[in-house]
């Protein structure tokens, strides 16, 4: 196994949309130890300090396998307090998987969606188009190549009726696709909670996401 270095750079923005102040820290914690052919790579942390609104840091990554090297990321900054001492804030951003030399931005690395862990409810109005952008990723937050994989999805309504959703791939190698139902069909859905899951099939192997919830509400404006 060889270990390379990946460059992570780009802007960092605070929750209010303003650029991160100089001195803001982005902390990368290697999830588990790694190794080169002759040396052990310890867990870290590696700390990138924001300068002029951006970070620029090099992290270890393995060249073997498709998953890459997983880091847990958090950021730390101070909130200015005009009537007292500044308050330090530290927030966890999430895990990132790095596979290759880069350069990457932090936004490139962060997972967008986790269909395999769907649990939150999505709400639509009856008669509106249902459109859910999806990305299938593995337990290490790395996109799964869906080349050769068949994806299907259905809604199970409160009336116990099963309704098939359409699935369109955006990028099979990136694991992205869209699950949808046109407005002409959602107009006929019963109000209330519908269950949804995603089924992936390749050959004789089948995997399903966890069951999610879509709540259909009455539309007011005609």
Protein backbone atom coordinates (compact mmCIF):
# COMPACT_ATOMS: atom_id res chain seq x y z
CA UNK A 1 0.00 0.00 0.00
CA UNK A 2 1.32 3.43 -0.91
CA UNK A 3 0.19 6.68 0.66
CA UNK A 4 -0.07 9.85 -1.36
CA UNK A 5 -0.86 13.44 -0.47
CA UNK A 6 -4.06 15.16 -1.55
CA UNK A 7 -4.46 18.92 -1.63
CA UNK A 8 -7.69 20.38 -0.21
CA UNK A 9 -8.28 24.06 -0.85
CA UNK A 10 -11.04 26.57 -1.51
CA UNK A 11 -13.34 28.99 0.34
CA UNK A 12 -14.93 28.49 3.76
CA UNK A 13 -18.19 30.30 4.55
CA UNK A 14 -19.80 30.82 7.97
CA UNK A 15 -23.46 29.95 8.74
CA UNK A 16 -24.58 33.54 8.04
CA UNK A 17 -23.10 33.35 4.52
CA UNK A 18 -20.11 35.56 5.26
CA UNK A 19 -16.55 34.44 4.44
CA UNK A 20 -14.76 32.82 7.34
CA UNK A 21 -12.48 35.20 9.18
CA UNK A 22 -8.72 34.71 9.12
CA UNK A 23 -7.81 32.37 11.94
CA UNK A 24 -10.87 30.14 11.57
CA UNK A 25 -9.74 26.51 11.85
CA UNK A 26 -10.83 23.55 9.75
CA UNK A 27 -9.78 20.36 11.52
CA UNK A 28 -9.26 17.07 9.65
CA UNK A 29 -9.09 13.96 11.87
CA UNK A 30 -7.94 10.78 10.14
CA UNK A 31 -10.59 8.20 11.08
CA UNK A 32 -8.10 5.37 11.60
CA UNK A 33 -4.39 4.84 11.19
CA UNK A 34 -2.94 4.13 7.77
CA UNK A 35 0.47 3.07 6.49
CA UNK A 36 2.94 3.36 3.68
CA UNK A 37 5.19 0.47 2.72
CA UNK A 38 7.63 1.48 5.45
CA UNK A 39 5.90 3.90 7.83
CA UNK A 40 2.79 4.22 9.97
CA UNK A 41 0.50 7.20 9.36
CA UNK A 42 -1.03 8.34 12.65
CA UNK A 43 -4.57 9.65 13.02
CA UNK A 44 -3.85 13.38 13.25
CA UNK A 45 -5.45 15.87 13.58
CA UNK A 46 -4.38 18.07 10.67
CA UNK A 47 -5.45 21.68 11.14
CA UNK A 48 -5.98 24.10 8.26
CA UNK A 49 -6.17 27.79 9.14
CA UNK A 50 -8.30 30.08 7.02
CA UNK A 51 -6.39 32.89 5.33
CA UNK A 52 -8.15 35.42 3.09
CA UNK A 53 -11.29 33.29 3.31
CA UNK A 54 -9.76 30.04 2.03
CA UNK A 55 -7.90 26.99 3.27
CA UNK A 56 -5.00 25.18 1.62
CA UNK A 57 -3.81 21.94 3.21
CA UNK A 58 -2.30 18.61 2.20
CA UNK A 59 -3.71 15.36 3.62
CA UNK A 60 -2.65 11.75 3.32
CA UNK A 61 -4.64 9.44 1.08
CA UNK A 62 -4.17 5.84 0.08
CA UNK A 63 -3.83 4.88 -3.56
CA UNK A 64 -5.26 1.38 -3.08
CA UNK A 65 -8.92 0.51 -3.35
CA UNK A 66 -11.84 2.69 -4.41
CA UNK A 67 -13.01 4.03 -1.06
CA UNK A 68 -10.13 6.34 -0.25
CA UNK A 69 -9.01 7.76 3.07
CA UNK A 70 -11.72 8.95 5.45
CA UNK A 71 -11.35 12.09 7.57
CA UNK A 72 -13.81 13.49 10.10
CA UNK A 73 -14.02 17.26 9.62
CA UNK A 74 -14.96 20.03 12.05
CA UNK A 75 -14.48 23.78 12.13
CA UNK A 76 -13.75 26.21 14.94
CA UNK A 77 -14.22 29.97 14.97
CA UNK A 78 -15.03 32.82 17.34
CA UNK A 79 -18.23 34.87 17.52
CA UNK A 80 -17.51 38.52 18.24
CA UNK A 81 -19.23 39.81 21.37
CA UNK A 82 -19.23 43.64 21.75
CA UNK A 83 -20.23 43.49 25.42
CA UNK A 84 -18.09 40.61 26.65
CA UNK A 85 -15.54 37.99 25.73
CA UNK A 86 -15.77 36.40 22.30
CA UNK A 87 -17.42 32.97 22.23
CA UNK A 88 -15.66 30.00 20.63
CA UNK A 89 -17.81 27.77 18.42
CA UNK A 90 -16.85 24.31 17.21
CA UNK A 91 -19.09 22.32 14.85
CA UNK A 92 -18.72 18.93 13.21
CA UNK A 93 -19.04 19.08 9.44
CA UNK A 94 -19.01 15.38 8.64
CA UNK A 95 -16.81 12.69 7.13
CA UNK A 96 -15.09 13.08 3.78
CA UNK A 97 -13.43 10.42 1.64
CA UNK A 98 -10.34 11.42 -0.33
CA UNK A 99 -9.18 9.29 -3.22
CA UNK A 100 -6.56 10.84 -5.49
CA UNK A 101 -4.13 13.74 -5.51
CA UNK A 102 -6.68 16.52 -6.05
CA UNK A 103 -6.78 19.40 -5.67
CA UNK A 104 -10.25 19.25 -4.09
CA UNK A 105 -12.44 21.82 -2.44
CA UNK A 106 -14.11 20.88 0.81
CA UNK A 107 -17.48 21.26 -0.96
CA UNK A 108 -16.36 18.66 -3.55
CA UNK A 109 -15.66 16.10 -0.84
CA UNK A 110 -18.67 16.45 1.42
CA UNK A 111 -21.49 13.98 0.75
CA UNK A 112 -24.72 15.56 -0.38
CA UNK A 113 -27.29 12.82 0.21
CA UNK A 114 -27.46 9.48 1.96
CA UNK A 115 -30.29 7.47 0.39
CA UNK A 116 -29.16 4.32 2.25
CA UNK A 117 -29.99 6.12 5.49
CA UNK A 118 -33.23 7.84 4.48
CA UNK A 119 -35.26 8.63 7.58
CA UNK A 120 -36.48 12.23 7.40
CA UNK A 121 -39.88 13.09 5.97
CA UNK A 122 -40.19 14.90 2.65
CA UNK A 123 -43.35 16.95 2.07
CA UNK A 124 -45.13 17.73 -1.18
CA UNK A 125 -48.53 19.21 -2.08
CA UNK A 126 -50.92 16.97 -3.96
CA UNK A 127 -50.76 17.88 -7.65
CA UNK A 128 -47.12 19.08 -7.47
CA UNK A 129 -44.27 17.27 -9.21
CA UNK A 130 -42.35 14.89 -6.97
CA UNK A 131 -38.62 15.02 -7.76
CA UNK A 132 -35.93 13.65 -5.46
CA UNK A 133 -32.24 13.92 -6.41
CA UNK A 134 -30.31 10.96 -5.01
CA UNK A 135 -26.73 9.78 -4.64
CA UNK A 136 -25.96 6.24 -3.49
CA UNK A 137 -22.86 6.12 -1.30
CA UNK A 138 -21.17 3.46 0.79
CA UNK A 139 -20.57 3.35 4.54
CA UNK A 140 -17.44 5.45 4.05
CA UNK A 141 -19.36 8.23 2.26
CA UNK A 142 -17.83 7.43 -1.12
CA UNK A 143 -20.09 7.37 -4.24
CA UNK A 144 -20.95 3.89 -5.51
CA UNK A 145 -20.55 3.34 -9.25
CA UNK A 146 -24.01 2.26 -10.47
CA UNK A 147 -22.85 1.09 -13.90
CA UNK A 148 -24.78 -2.10 -14.65
CA UNK A 149 -27.08 -1.60 -11.64
CA UNK A 150 -30.87 -1.44 -11.96
CA UNK A 151 -32.55 1.08 -9.65
CA UNK A 152 -36.28 0.97 -8.86
CA UNK A 153 -38.45 2.77 -6.34
CA UNK A 154 -42.07 2.67 -5.15
CA UNK A 155 -44.48 4.51 -2.87
CA UNK A 156 -46.67 2.61 -0.43
CA UNK A 157 -49.64 4.82 0.38
CA UNK A 158 -51.90 5.02 3.44
CA UNK A 159 -54.49 3.24 1.29
CA UNK A 160 -52.07 0.25 1.05
CA UNK A 161 -51.67 0.83 -2.71
CA UNK A 162 -48.19 0.46 -4.24
CA UNK A 163 -47.25 3.07 -6.85
CA UNK A 164 -44.13 2.86 -9.02
CA UNK A 165 -41.85 5.90 -9.29
CA UNK A 166 -39.74 6.73 -12.34
CA UNK A 167 -35.95 6.57 -11.99
CA UNK A 168 -33.57 8.50 -14.27
CA UNK A 169 -29.79 8.31 -13.92
CA UNK A 170 -27.83 11.55 -13.79
CA UNK A 171 -24.37 9.93 -13.63
CA UNK A 172 -23.97 6.20 -13.10
CA UNK A 173 -20.23 6.42 -12.19
CA UNK A 174 -21.03 9.12 -9.58
CA UNK A 175 -23.99 7.16 -8.23
CA UNK A 176 -26.47 9.97 -8.91
CA UNK A 177 -30.06 9.57 -10.08
CA UNK A 178 -33.50 11.15 -9.77
CA UNK A 179 -36.67 9.55 -8.42
CA UNK A 180 -39.83 11.25 -9.64
CA UNK A 181 -43.61 11.22 -10.11
CA UNK A 182 -45.38 13.70 -12.44
CA UNK A 183 -47.98 16.13 -11.15
CA UNK A 184 -50.78 14.30 -13.00
CA UNK A 185 -50.11 11.26 -10.79
CA UNK A 186 -49.45 13.06 -7.49
CA UNK A 187 -52.84 14.77 -7.98
CA UNK A 188 -54.40 11.34 -7.41
CA UNK A 189 -52.40 10.46 -4.28
CA UNK A 190 -54.28 10.12 -0.99
CA UNK A 191 -53.34 12.65 1.66
CA UNK A 192 -51.06 11.54 4.47
CA UNK A 193 -47.88 9.54 4.94
CA UNK A 194 -46.45 7.42 2.14
CA UNK A 195 -43.48 5.09 2.55
CA UNK A 196 -40.62 5.02 0.04
CA UNK A 197 -37.46 3.02 -0.45
CA UNK A 198 -34.87 2.51 -3.19
CA UNK A 199 -33.99 -0.92 -4.60
CA UNK A 200 -30.67 -1.63 -6.34
CA UNK A 201 -30.24 -4.87 -8.29
CA UNK A 202 -27.20 -6.26 -10.09
CA UNK A 203 -27.36 -9.88 -11.18
CA UNK A 204 -28.78 -11.90 -8.30
CA UNK A 205 -27.77 -9.35 -5.65
CA UNK A 206 -30.37 -6.92 -4.28
CA UNK A 207 -29.95 -4.08 -1.79
CA UNK A 208 -32.55 -1.66 -0.48
CA UNK A 209 -32.28 1.66 1.29
CA UNK A 210 -33.94 2.26 4.62
CA UNK A 211 -37.59 3.24 4.43
CA UNK A 212 -38.31 6.96 4.18
CA UNK A 213 -41.50 9.00 4.45
CA UNK A 214 -43.19 11.31 1.96
CA UNK A 215 -46.07 13.35 3.37
CA UNK A 216 -48.68 14.43 0.83
CA UNK A 217 -50.54 17.59 1.83
CA UNK A 218 -53.54 19.32 0.34
CA UNK A 219 -52.79 22.12 -2.14
CA UNK A 220 -54.56 25.40 -1.39
CA UNK A 221 -53.92 27.55 -4.47
CA UNK A 222 -55.90 26.44 -7.53
